[in-house]
PDB file of all heavy atoms in Angstrom:
ATOM      1  N   GLY A   1       0.768  -1.247   0.055  1.00  0.00           N
ATOM      2  CA  GLY A   1      -0.037  -0.048  -0.018  1.00  0.00           C
ATOM      3  C   GLY A   1       0.829   1.256   0.035  1.00  0.00           C
ATOM      4  O   GLY A   1       0.210   2.351   0.101  1.00  0.00           O
ATOM      5  N   ALA A   2       2.118   1.161  -0.004  1.00  0.00           N
ATOM      6  CA  ALA A   2       2.955   2.404  -0.056  1.00  0.00           C
ATOM      7  C   ALA A   2       2.779   3.058  -1.332  1.00  0.00           C
ATOM      8  O   ALA A   2       2.583   2.575  -2.333  1.00  0.00           O
ATOM      9  CB  ALA A   2       4.458   2.016   0.026  1.00  0.00           C
ATOM     10  N   ASN A   3       2.801   4.513  -1.207  1.00  0.00           N
ATOM     11  CA  ASN A   3       2.507   5.399  -2.406  1.00  0.00           C
ATOM     12  C   ASN A   3       3.507   6.428  -2.414  1.00  0.00           C
ATOM     13  O   ASN A   3       3.540   7.177  -1.470  1.00  0.00           O
ATOM     14  CB  ASN A   3       0.976   5.857  -2.347  1.00  0.00           C
ATOM     15  CG  ASN A   3       0.571   6.494  -3.600  1.00  0.00           C
ATOM     16  OD1 ASN A   3       1.350   7.305  -4.178  1.00  0.00           O
ATOM     17  ND2 ASN A   3      -0.688   6.275  -3.960  1.00  0.00           N
ATOM     18  N   ALA A   4       4.264   6.630  -3.417  1.00  0.00           N
ATOM     19  CA  ALA A   4       5.261   7.605  -3.436  1.00  0.00           C
ATOM     20  C   ALA A   4       4.594   9.051  -3.417  1.00  0.00           C
ATOM     21  O   ALA A   4       5.276   9.963  -2.948  1.00  0.00           O
ATOM     22  CB  ALA A   4       5.927   7.548  -4.824  1.00  0.00           C
ATOM     23  N   GLY A   5       3.295   9.111  -3.788  1.00  0.00           N
ATOM     24  CA  GLY A   5       2.600  10.414  -3.695  1.00  0.00           C
ATOM     25  C   GLY A   5       2.581  10.879  -2.213  1.00  0.00           C
ATOM     26  O   GLY A   5       2.644  12.140  -2.026  1.00  0.00           O
ATOM     27  N   ILE A   6       2.490   9.945  -1.258  1.00  0.00           N
ATOM     28  CA  ILE A   6       2.464  10.275   0.162  1.00  0.00           C
ATOM     29  C   ILE A   6       3.808  11.010   0.476  1.00  0.00           C
ATOM     30  O   ILE A   6       3.813  11.950   1.236  1.00  0.00           O
ATOM     31  CB  ILE A   6       2.178   8.980   1.082  1.00  0.00           C
ATOM     32  CG1 ILE A   6       0.732   8.589   0.655  1.00  0.00           C
ATOM     33  CG2 ILE A   6       2.373   9.405   2.473  1.00  0.00           C
ATOM     34  CD1 ILE A   6       0.330   7.298   1.564  1.00  0.00           C
ATOM     35  N   GLY A   7       4.897  10.393  -0.002  1.00  0.00           N
ATOM     36  CA  GLY A   7       6.223  10.925   0.328  1.00  0.00           C
ATOM     37  C   GLY A   7       6.309  12.300  -0.156  1.00  0.00           C
ATOM     38  O   GLY A   7       6.891  13.243   0.500  1.00  0.00           O
ATOM     39  N   LEU A   8       5.897  12.483  -1.427  1.00  0.00           N
ATOM     40  CA  LEU A   8       5.987  13.886  -2.099  1.00  0.00           C
ATOM     41  C   LEU A   8       5.089  14.871  -1.294  1.00  0.00           C
ATOM     42  O   LEU A   8       5.378  16.041  -1.165  1.00  0.00           O
ATOM     43  CB  LEU A   8       5.609  13.734  -3.573  1.00  0.00           C
ATOM     44  CG  LEU A   8       6.538  13.057  -4.501  1.00  0.00           C
ATOM     45  CD1 LEU A   8       6.024  12.713  -5.806  1.00  0.00           C
ATOM     46  CD2 LEU A   8       7.868  13.922  -4.558  1.00  0.00           C
ATOM     47  N   PHE A   9       3.924  14.417  -0.989  1.00  0.00           N
ATOM     48  CA  PHE A   9       2.952  15.272  -0.240  1.00  0.00           C
ATOM     49  C   PHE A   9       3.556  15.858   1.113  1.00  0.00           C
ATOM     50  O   PHE A   9       3.464  16.936   1.266  1.00  0.00           O
ATOM     51  CB  PHE A   9       1.795  14.448   0.013  1.00  0.00           C
ATOM     52  CG  PHE A   9       0.589  15.381   0.515  1.00  0.00           C
ATOM     53  CD1 PHE A   9      -0.272  15.888  -0.367  1.00  0.00           C
ATOM     54  CD2 PHE A   9       0.374  15.550   1.839  1.00  0.00           C
ATOM     55  CE1 PHE A   9      -1.338  16.763   0.108  1.00  0.00           C
ATOM     56  CE2 PHE A   9      -0.543  16.519   2.366  1.00  0.00           C
ATOM     57  CZ  PHE A   9      -1.569  17.030   1.438  1.00  0.00           C
ATOM     58  N   PHE A  10       4.171  14.957   1.780  1.00  0.00           N
ATOM     59  CA  PHE A  10       4.795  15.294   3.052  1.00  0.00           C
ATOM     60  C   PHE A  10       6.072  16.124   2.810  1.00  0.00           C
ATOM     61  O   PHE A  10       6.557  16.818   3.793  1.00  0.00           O
ATOM     62  CB  PHE A  10       5.007  14.109   3.986  1.00  0.00           C
ATOM     63  CG  PHE A  10       3.718  13.891   4.730  1.00  0.00           C
ATOM     64  CD1 PHE A  10       2.763  12.940   4.242  1.00  0.00           C
ATOM     65  CD2 PHE A  10       3.555  14.415   6.001  1.00  0.00           C
ATOM     66  CE1 PHE A  10       1.618  12.626   5.047  1.00  0.00           C
ATOM     67  CE2 PHE A  10       2.357  14.044   6.726  1.00  0.00           C
ATOM     68  CZ  PHE A  10       1.458  13.159   6.150  1.00  0.00           C
ATOM     69  N   ALA A  11       6.677  15.933   1.697  1.00  0.00           N
ATOM     70  CA  ALA A  11       7.845  16.751   1.398  1.00  0.00           C
ATOM     71  C   ALA A  11       7.347  18.163   1.242  1.00  0.00           C
ATOM     72  O   ALA A  11       7.931  19.129   1.716  1.00  0.00           O
ATOM     73  CB  ALA A  11       8.517  16.279   0.207  1.00  0.00           C
ATOM     74  N   PHE A  12       6.318  18.454   0.483  1.00  0.00           N
ATOM     75  CA  PHE A  12       5.713  19.782   0.232  1.00  0.00           C
ATOM     76  C   PHE A  12       5.269  20.327   1.560  1.00  0.00           C
ATOM     77  O   PHE A  12       5.341  21.494   1.757  1.00  0.00           O
ATOM     78  CB  PHE A  12       4.583  19.696  -0.802  1.00  0.00           C
ATOM     79  CG  PHE A  12       5.108  19.717  -2.284  1.00  0.00           C
ATOM     80  CD1 PHE A  12       5.198  18.564  -3.001  1.00  0.00           C
ATOM     81  CD2 PHE A  12       5.445  20.840  -2.847  1.00  0.00           C
ATOM     82  CE1 PHE A  12       5.612  18.499  -4.187  1.00  0.00           C
ATOM     83  CE2 PHE A  12       5.907  20.881  -4.106  1.00  0.00           C
ATOM     84  CZ  PHE A  12       6.083  19.705  -4.891  1.00  0.00           C
ATOM     85  N   TRP A  13       4.647  19.492   2.392  1.00  0.00           N
ATOM     86  CA  TRP A  13       4.183  19.925   3.713  1.00  0.00           C
ATOM     87  C   TRP A  13       5.261  20.494   4.585  1.00  0.00           C
ATOM     88  O   TRP A  13       5.070  21.430   5.265  1.00  0.00           O
ATOM     89  CB  TRP A  13       3.418  18.859   4.441  1.00  0.00           C
ATOM     90  CG  TRP A  13       3.335  18.884   5.948  1.00  0.00           C
ATOM     91  CD1 TRP A  13       3.781  17.897   6.798  1.00  0.00           C
ATOM     92  CD2 TRP A  13       2.810  20.001   6.804  1.00  0.00           C
ATOM     93  NE1 TRP A  13       3.540  18.265   8.008  1.00  0.00           N
ATOM     94  CE2 TRP A  13       2.933  19.443   8.107  1.00  0.00           C
ATOM     95  CE3 TRP A  13       2.332  21.285   6.582  1.00  0.00           C
ATOM     96  CZ2 TRP A  13       2.622  20.271   9.201  1.00  0.00           C
ATOM     97  CZ3 TRP A  13       2.001  21.999   7.603  1.00  0.00           C
ATOM     98  CH2 TRP A  13       2.030  21.550   8.928  1.00  0.00           C
ATOM     99  N   SER A  14       6.412  19.965   4.321  1.00  0.00           N
ATOM    100  CA  SER A  14       7.613  20.408   5.180  1.00  0.00           C
ATOM    101  C   SER A  14       7.982  21.822   4.890  1.00  0.00           C
ATOM    102  O   SER A  14       8.721  22.486   5.695  1.00  0.00           O
ATOM    103  CB  SER A  14       8.814  19.458   4.866  1.00  0.00           C
ATOM    104  OG  SER A  14       8.546  18.207   5.204  1.00  0.00           O
ATOM    105  N   TRP A  15       7.537  22.308   3.791  1.00  0.00           N
ATOM    106  CA  TRP A  15       7.931  23.697   3.368  1.00  0.00           C
ATOM    107  C   TRP A  15       6.694  24.748   3.666  1.00  0.00           C
ATOM    108  O   TRP A  15       6.932  25.951   3.614  1.00  0.00           O
ATOM    109  CB  TRP A  15       8.079  23.859   1.740  1.00  0.00           C
ATOM    110  CG  TRP A  15       9.471  23.835   1.380  1.00  0.00           C
ATOM    111  CD1 TRP A  15      10.433  24.879   1.314  1.00  0.00           C
ATOM    112  CD2 TRP A  15      10.251  22.751   1.043  1.00  0.00           C
ATOM    113  NE1 TRP A  15      11.570  24.462   0.792  1.00  0.00           N
ATOM    114  CE2 TRP A  15      11.571  23.090   0.611  1.00  0.00           C
ATOM    115  CE3 TRP A  15       9.912  21.336   0.780  1.00  0.00           C
ATOM    116  CZ2 TRP A  15      12.470  22.192   0.077  1.00  0.00           C
ATOM    117  CZ3 TRP A  15      10.910  20.470   0.402  1.00  0.00           C
ATOM    118  CH2 TRP A  15      12.140  20.933   0.072  1.00  0.00           C
ATOM    119  N   VAL A  16       5.616  24.168   3.908  1.00  0.00           N
ATOM    120  CA  VAL A  16       4.435  25.120   4.080  1.00  0.00           C
ATOM    121  C   VAL A  16       4.815  26.152   5.141  1.00  0.00           C
ATOM    122  O   VAL A  16       5.220  25.930   6.236  1.00  0.00           O
ATOM    123  CB  VAL A  16       3.216  24.367   4.535  1.00  0.00           C
ATOM    124  CG1 VAL A  16       2.015  25.309   5.001  1.00  0.00           C
ATOM    125  CG2 VAL A  16       2.643  23.482   3.298  1.00  0.00           C
ATOM    126  N   GLY A  17       4.529  27.432   4.669  1.00  0.00           N
ATOM    127  CA  GLY A  17       4.878  28.539   5.589  1.00  0.00           C
ATOM    128  C   GLY A  17       5.918  29.449   4.944  1.00  0.00           C
ATOM    129  O   GLY A  17       6.026  30.604   5.435  1.00  0.00           O
ATOM    130  N   PHE A  18       6.732  28.980   3.970  1.00  0.00           N
ATOM    131  CA  PHE A  18       7.666  29.788   3.381  1.00  0.00           C
ATOM    132  C   PHE A  18       7.115  31.066   2.851  1.00  0.00           C
ATOM    133  O   PHE A  18       7.660  32.115   2.694  1.00  0.00           O
ATOM    134  CB  PHE A  18       8.581  29.071   2.365  1.00  0.00           C
ATOM    135  CG  PHE A  18       7.859  28.932   1.067  1.00  0.00           C
ATOM    136  CD1 PHE A  18       7.953  29.892   0.030  1.00  0.00           C
ATOM    137  CD2 PHE A  18       7.099  27.859   0.690  1.00  0.00           C
ATOM    138  CE1 PHE A  18       7.422  29.781  -1.162  1.00  0.00           C
ATOM    139  CE2 PHE A  18       6.489  27.770  -0.505  1.00  0.00           C
ATOM    140  CZ  PHE A  18       6.637  28.726  -1.389  1.00  0.00           C
ATOM    141  N   GLU A  19       5.911  30.883   2.301  1.00  0.00           N
ATOM    142  CA  GLU A  19       5.121  32.014   1.643  1.00  0.00           C
ATOM    143  C   GLU A  19       4.641  33.066   2.723  1.00  0.00           C
ATOM    144  O   GLU A  19       4.346  34.221   2.356  1.00  0.00           O
ATOM    145  CB  GLU A  19       3.931  31.490   0.950  1.00  0.00           C
ATOM    146  CG  GLU A  19       2.711  31.132   1.719  1.00  0.00           C
ATOM    147  CD  GLU A  19       2.929  29.816   2.485  1.00  0.00           C
ATOM    148  OE1 GLU A  19       3.874  29.099   2.149  1.00  0.00           O
ATOM    149  OE2 GLU A  19       2.134  29.534   3.476  1.00  0.00           O
ATOM    150  N   SER A  20       4.907  32.746   4.008  1.00  0.00           N
ATOM    151  CA  SER A  20       4.432  33.693   5.036  1.00  0.00           C
ATOM    152  C   SER A  20       5.328  34.876   5.146  1.00  0.00           C
ATOM    153  O   SER A  20       5.020  35.882   5.800  1.00  0.00           O
ATOM    154  CB  SER A  20       4.466  33.016   6.408  1.00  0.00           C
ATOM    155  OG  SER A  20       5.721  32.572   6.815  1.00  0.00           O
ATOM    156  N   SER A  21       6.577  34.907   4.487  1.00  0.00           N
ATOM    157  CA  SER A  21       7.497  36.040   4.469  1.00  0.00           C
ATOM    158  C   SER A  21       6.666  37.242   4.019  1.00  0.00           C
ATOM    159  O   SER A  21       6.960  38.370   4.553  1.00  0.00           O
ATOM    160  CB  SER A  21       8.712  35.848   3.589  1.00  0.00           C
ATOM    161  OG  SER A  21       8.270  35.531   2.238  1.00  0.00           O
ATOM    162  N   ALA A  22       5.767  37.130   3.003  1.00  0.00           N
ATOM    163  CA  ALA A  22       5.144  38.222   2.543  1.00  0.00           C
ATOM    164  C   ALA A  22       4.167  38.991   3.569  1.00  0.00           C
ATOM    165  O   ALA A  22       3.749  40.140   3.390  1.00  0.00           O
ATOM    166  CB  ALA A  22       4.327  37.934   1.242  1.00  0.00           C
ATOM    167  N   MET A  23       3.731  38.134   4.523  1.00  0.00           N
ATOM    168  CA  MET A  23       2.828  38.654   5.556  1.00  0.00           C
ATOM    169  C   MET A  23       3.421  39.797   6.390  1.00  0.00           C
ATOM    170  O   MET A  23       2.658  40.535   6.932  1.00  0.00           O
ATOM    171  CB  MET A  23       2.391  37.533   6.465  1.00  0.00           C
ATOM    172  CG  MET A  23       1.514  36.449   5.821  1.00  0.00           C
ATOM    173  SD  MET A  23       1.063  35.255   6.945  1.00  0.00           S
ATOM    174  CE  MET A  23       0.584  33.860   5.945  1.00  0.00           C
ATOM    175  N   TYR A  24       4.779  39.762   6.536  1.00  0.00           N
ATOM    176  CA  TYR A  24       5.489  40.598   7.339  1.00  0.00           C
ATOM    177  C   TYR A  24       5.847  41.933   6.616  1.00  0.00           C
ATOM    178  O   TYR A  24       6.684  42.669   7.207  1.00  0.00           O
ATOM    179  CB  TYR A  24       6.628  39.997   8.031  1.00  0.00           C
ATOM    180  CG  TYR A  24       6.245  38.840   8.919  1.00  0.00           C
ATOM    181  CD1 TYR A  24       6.450  37.421   8.293  1.00  0.00           C
ATOM    182  CD2 TYR A  24       5.533  38.913  10.042  1.00  0.00           C
ATOM    183  CE1 TYR A  24       6.016  36.407   9.022  1.00  0.00           C
ATOM    184  CE2 TYR A  24       4.969  37.713  10.702  1.00  0.00           C
ATOM    185  CZ  TYR A  24       5.336  36.528  10.156  1.00  0.00           C
ATOM    186  OH  TYR A  24       4.878  35.379  10.836  1.00  0.00           O
ATOM    187  N   GLY A  25       5.362  42.168   5.421  1.00  0.00           N
ATOM    188  CA  GLY A  25       5.711  43.297   4.635  1.00  0.00           C
ATOM    189  C   GLY A  25       5.529  44.522   5.322  1.00  0.00           C
ATOM    190  O   GLY A  25       6.345  45.531   5.338  1.00  0.00           O
ATOM    191  N   GLU A  26       4.250  44.704   5.906  1.00  0.00           N
ATOM    192  CA  GLU A  26       3.910  46.006   6.545  1.00  0.00           C
ATOM    193  C   GLU A  26       4.717  46.258   7.763  1.00  0.00           C
ATOM    194  O   GLU A  26       4.804  47.427   8.241  1.00  0.00           O
ATOM    195  CB  GLU A  26       2.378  46.052   6.876  1.00  0.00           C
ATOM    196  CG  GLU A  26       1.485  46.037   5.735  1.00  0.00           C
ATOM    197  CD  GLU A  26       0.006  46.092   6.115  1.00  0.00           C
ATOM    198  OE1 GLU A  26      -0.275  46.405   7.426  1.00  0.00           O
ATOM    199  OE2 GLU A  26      -0.788  45.811   5.277  1.00  0.00           O
ATOM    200  N   GLU A  27       5.281  45.211   8.323  1.00  0.00           N
ATOM    201  CA  GLU A  27       5.954  45.367   9.605  1.00  0.00           C
ATOM    202  C   GLU A  27       7.630  45.303   9.461  1.00  0.00           C
ATOM    203  O   GLU A  27       8.283  45.573  10.470  1.00  0.00           O
ATOM    204  CB  GLU A  27       5.603  44.190  10.613  1.00  0.00           C
ATOM    205  CG  GLU A  27       4.163  44.212  10.924  1.00  0.00           C
ATOM    206  CD  GLU A  27       3.649  42.927  11.558  1.00  0.00           C
ATOM    207  OE1 GLU A  27       3.349  42.006  10.818  1.00  0.00           O
ATOM    208  OE2 GLU A  27       3.723  42.837  12.787  1.00  0.00           O
ATOM    209  N   SER A  28       7.978  45.110   8.238  1.00  0.00           N
ATOM    210  CA  SER A  28       9.456  44.984   8.073  1.00  0.00           C
ATOM    211  C   SER A  28      10.019  46.323   7.487  1.00  0.00           C
ATOM    212  O   SER A  28       9.305  47.188   6.933  1.00  0.00           O
ATOM    213  CB  SER A  28       9.739  43.822   7.041  1.00  0.00           C
ATOM    214  OG  SER A  28       9.177  44.202   5.689  1.00  0.00           O
ATOM    215  N   ARG A  29      11.241  46.337   7.657  1.00  0.00           N
ATOM    216  CA  ARG A  29      12.126  47.504   7.085  1.00  0.00           C
ATOM    217  C   ARG A  29      12.473  47.242   5.655  1.00  0.00           C
ATOM    218  O   ARG A  29      12.942  46.185   5.300  1.00  0.00           O
ATOM    219  CB  ARG A  29      13.379  47.623   7.901  1.00  0.00           C
ATOM    220  CG  ARG A  29      13.143  47.723   9.419  1.00  0.00           C
ATOM    221  CD  ARG A  29      14.516  48.063  10.134  1.00  0.00           C
ATOM    222  NE  ARG A  29      14.212  47.737  11.629  1.00  0.00           N
ATOM    223  CZ  ARG A  29      14.693  46.651  12.221  1.00  0.00           C
ATOM    224  NH1 ARG A  29      15.356  45.706  11.560  1.00  0.00           N
ATOM    225  NH2 ARG A  29      14.432  46.488  13.498  1.00  0.00           N
ATOM    226  N   ASN A  30      12.174  48.215   4.761  1.00  0.00           N
ATOM    227  CA  ASN A  30      12.476  48.076   3.396  1.00  0.00           C
ATOM    228  C   ASN A  30      11.836  46.761   2.781  1.00  0.00           C
ATOM    229  O   ASN A  30      12.586  45.965   2.314  1.00  0.00           O
ATOM    230  CB  ASN A  30      14.012  48.113   3.048  1.00  0.00           C
ATOM    231  CG  ASN A  30      14.366  48.158   1.698  1.00  0.00           C
ATOM    232  OD1 ASN A  30      13.490  48.457   0.869  1.00  0.00           O
ATOM    233  ND2 ASN A  30      15.628  48.184   1.388  1.00  0.00           N
ATOM    234  N   PRO A  31      10.463  46.609   2.838  1.00  0.00           N
ATOM    235  CA  PRO A  31       9.941  45.316   2.465  1.00  0.00           C
ATOM    236  C   PRO A  31      10.066  44.983   0.953  1.00  0.00           C
ATOM    237  O   PRO A  31      10.170  43.847   0.602  1.00  0.00           O
ATOM    238  CB  PRO A  31       8.379  45.616   2.754  1.00  0.00           C
ATOM    239  CG  PRO A  31       8.338  47.096   2.748  1.00  0.00           C
ATOM    240  CD  PRO A  31       9.637  47.537   3.284  1.00  0.00           C
ATOM    241  N   LYS A  32      10.271  46.002   0.096  1.00  0.00           N
ATOM    242  CA  LYS A  32      10.551  45.611  -1.365  1.00  0.00           C
ATOM    243  C   LYS A  32      11.795  44.899  -1.570  1.00  0.00           C
ATOM    244  O   LYS A  32      11.877  44.111  -2.516  1.00  0.00           O
ATOM    245  CB  LYS A  32      10.584  46.978  -2.139  1.00  0.00           C
ATOM    246  CG  LYS A  32       9.354  47.857  -1.990  1.00  0.00           C
ATOM    247  CD  LYS A  32       8.132  47.230  -2.389  1.00  0.00           C
ATOM    248  CE  LYS A  32       6.875  48.209  -2.330  1.00  0.00           C
ATOM    249  NZ  LYS A  32       5.659  47.491  -2.522  1.00  0.00           N
ATOM    250  N   LYS A  33      12.682  44.985  -0.681  1.00  0.00           N
ATOM    251  CA  LYS A  33      13.982  44.262  -0.701  1.00  0.00           C
ATOM    252  C   LYS A  33      14.039  43.039   0.132  1.00  0.00           C
ATOM    253  O   LYS A  33      14.509  41.957  -0.230  1.00  0.00           O
ATOM    254  CB  LYS A  33      15.202  45.226  -0.329  1.00  0.00           C
ATOM    255  CG  LYS A  33      16.593  44.529  -0.516  1.00  0.00           C
ATOM    256  CD  LYS A  33      17.649  45.529  -0.094  1.00  0.00           C
ATOM    257  CE  LYS A  33      18.948  44.791  -0.143  1.00  0.00           C
ATOM    258  NZ  LYS A  33      20.080  45.788   0.251  1.00  0.00           N
ATOM    259  N   ILE A  34      13.626  43.179   1.353  1.00  0.00           N
ATOM    260  CA  ILE A  34      13.666  42.227   2.353  1.00  0.00           C
ATOM    261  C   ILE A  34      12.752  40.966   2.077  1.00  0.00           C
ATOM    262  O   ILE A  34      13.231  39.854   2.176  1.00  0.00           O
ATOM    263  CB  ILE A  34      13.340  42.776   3.815  1.00  0.00           C
ATOM    264  CG1 ILE A  34      14.528  43.636   4.254  1.00  0.00           C
ATOM    265  CG2 ILE A  34      13.012  41.718   4.795  1.00  0.00           C
ATOM    266  CD1 ILE A  34      14.239  44.252   5.670  1.00  0.00           C
ATOM    267  N   ILE A  35      11.496  41.226   1.779  1.00  0.00           N
ATOM    268  CA  ILE A  35      10.562  40.150   1.569  1.00  0.00           C
ATOM    269  C   ILE A  35      11.101  39.149   0.430  1.00  0.00           C
ATOM    270  O   ILE A  35      11.133  37.963   0.666  1.00  0.00           O
ATOM    271  CB  ILE A  35       9.222  40.638   1.400  1.00  0.00           C
ATOM    272  CG1 ILE A  35       8.838  41.432   2.601  1.00  0.00           C
ATOM    273  CG2 ILE A  35       8.140  39.487   1.173  1.00  0.00           C
ATOM    274  CD1 ILE A  35       8.863  40.762   4.012  1.00  0.00           C
ATOM    275  N   PRO A  36      11.274  39.804  -0.746  1.00  0.00           N
ATOM    276  CA  PRO A  36      11.745  38.742  -1.887  1.00  0.00           C
ATOM    277  C   PRO A  36      12.975  38.009  -1.415  1.00  0.00           C
ATOM    278  O   PRO A  36      13.132  36.827  -1.787  1.00  0.00           O
ATOM    279  CB  PRO A  36      11.973  39.721  -2.975  1.00  0.00           C
ATOM    280  CG  PRO A  36      11.142  40.978  -2.711  1.00  0.00           C
ATOM    281  CD  PRO A  36      11.117  41.122  -1.268  1.00  0.00           C
TER     282      PRO A  36
END
C-alpha cells in the first residue's frame, strides 16, 4: 500500500509557511527588498 505520492505530499508539507514572508511586509524594514 505504499504510495510515492504520500512521500511527495509530506515533502511539500515540510515547506508550508515559506510564503508567510510576505505577511510581514507591513512590519518589515524596506519590504520591497527584504521580503523577496
